[in-house]
Amino acid sequence: MTYLKNFINDEEGQDLVEYALLLAFVAVAAVAVLTTVAGNTAKVFNRASAQLT
C-alpha cells in the first residue's frame, strides 16, 4: 500500500511534461515566424527580380 501512495505522490515526471509543452510551444512559434519571414523574403526577391528585368 505504501508503494501505491509513494507512486501517486511522486512528481518526477512532471518536469518532463512541462519541458515537452514548452518545446512544443517554441516549435509552433518558430514555424509561425518562419512562415511570415519566408513570405516577406519572397516578396523582396520578386520585386528585385522585376526591377532587374
C-alpha atoms as a PDB file:
ATOM      1  CA  MET A   1       0.000   0.000   0.000  1.00  0.00           C
ATOM      2  CA  THR A   2       2.861   2.402   0.749  1.00  0.00           C
ATOM      3  CA  TYR A   3       4.241   1.771  -2.739  1.00  0.00           C
ATOM      4  CA  LEU A   4       0.975   2.989  -4.258  1.00  0.00           C
ATOM      5  CA  LYS A   5       0.952   6.115  -2.044  1.00  0.00           C
ATOM      6  CA  ASN A   6       4.558   6.881  -2.981  1.00  0.00           C
ATOM      7  CA  PHE A   7       3.764   6.368  -6.664  1.00  0.00           C
ATOM      8  CA  ILE A   8       0.818   8.774  -6.524  1.00  0.00           C
ATOM      9  CA  ASN A   9       2.845  11.432  -4.669  1.00  0.00           C
ATOM     10  CA  ASP A  10       5.860  11.103  -6.964  1.00  0.00           C
ATOM     11  CA  GLU A  11       6.279  14.240  -9.099  1.00  0.00           C
ATOM     12  CA  GLU A  12       9.475  13.398 -11.004  1.00  0.00           C
ATOM     13  CA  GLY A  13       7.781  13.104 -14.401  1.00  0.00           C
ATOM     14  CA  GLN A  14       6.111  16.473 -14.042  1.00  0.00           C
ATOM     15  CA  ASP A  15       9.209  18.381 -15.144  1.00  0.00           C
ATOM     16  CA  LEU A  16       9.458  16.314 -18.315  1.00  0.00           C
ATOM     17  CA  VAL A  17       5.877  17.135 -19.270  1.00  0.00           C
ATOM     18  CA  GLU A  18       6.462  20.850 -18.657  1.00  0.00           C
ATOM     19  CA  TYR A  19       9.587  20.849 -20.814  1.00  0.00           C
ATOM     20  CA  ALA A  20       7.773  18.966 -23.573  1.00  0.00           C
ATOM     21  CA  LEU A  21       4.939  21.516 -23.565  1.00  0.00           C
ATOM     22  CA  LEU A  22       7.416  24.386 -23.627  1.00  0.00           C
ATOM     23  CA  LEU A  23       9.290  22.804 -26.529  1.00  0.00           C
ATOM     24  CA  ALA A  24       6.035  22.329 -28.448  1.00  0.00           C
ATOM     25  CA  PHE A  25       5.105  25.980 -27.889  1.00  0.00           C
ATOM     26  CA  VAL A  26       8.514  27.176 -29.085  1.00  0.00           C
ATOM     27  CA  ALA A  27       8.263  24.953 -32.178  1.00  0.00           C
ATOM     28  CA  VAL A  28       4.822  26.323 -33.088  1.00  0.00           C
ATOM     29  CA  ALA A  29       6.009  29.901 -32.590  1.00  0.00           C
ATOM     30  CA  ALA A  30       9.109  29.264 -34.724  1.00  0.00           C
ATOM     31  CA  VAL A  31       7.030  27.835 -37.558  1.00  0.00           C
ATOM     32  CA  ALA A  32       4.695  30.839 -37.450  1.00  0.00           C
ATOM     33  CA  VAL A  33       7.586  33.304 -37.525  1.00  0.00           C
ATOM     34  CA  LEU A  34       9.470  31.476 -40.257  1.00  0.00           C
ATOM     35  CA  THR A  35       6.354  31.277 -42.427  1.00  0.00           C
ATOM     36  CA  THR A  36       5.884  35.037 -42.172  1.00  0.00           C
ATOM     37  CA  VAL A  37       9.552  35.774 -42.805  1.00  0.00           C
ATOM     38  CA  ALA A  38       9.646  33.429 -45.804  1.00  0.00           C
ATOM     39  CA  GLY A  39       6.673  35.176 -47.376  1.00  0.00           C
ATOM     40  CA  ASN A  40       8.225  38.601 -46.911  1.00  0.00           C
ATOM     41  CA  THR A  41      11.575  37.433 -48.228  1.00  0.00           C
ATOM     42  CA  ALA A  42       9.944  36.026 -51.351  1.00  0.00           C
ATOM     43  CA  LYS A  43       8.255  39.378 -51.970  1.00  0.00           C
ATOM     44  CA  VAL A  44      11.580  41.216 -51.725  1.00  0.00           C
ATOM     45  CA  PHE A  45      13.286  38.887 -54.204  1.00  0.00           C
ATOM     46  CA  ASN A  46      10.334  39.044 -56.602  1.00  0.00           C
ATOM     47  CA  ARG A  47      10.461  42.870 -56.562  1.00  0.00           C
ATOM     48  CA  ALA A  48      14.212  42.857 -57.133  1.00  0.00           C
ATOM     49  CA  SER A  49      13.831  40.412 -59.997  1.00  0.00           C
ATOM     50  CA  ALA A  50      11.103  42.508 -61.599  1.00  0.00           C
ATOM     51  CA  GLN A  51      13.233  45.644 -61.415  1.00  0.00           C
ATOM     52  CA  LEU A  52      16.244  43.901 -62.924  1.00  0.00           C
ATOM     53  CA  THR A  53      14.309  42.667 -65.961  1.00  0.00           C
END
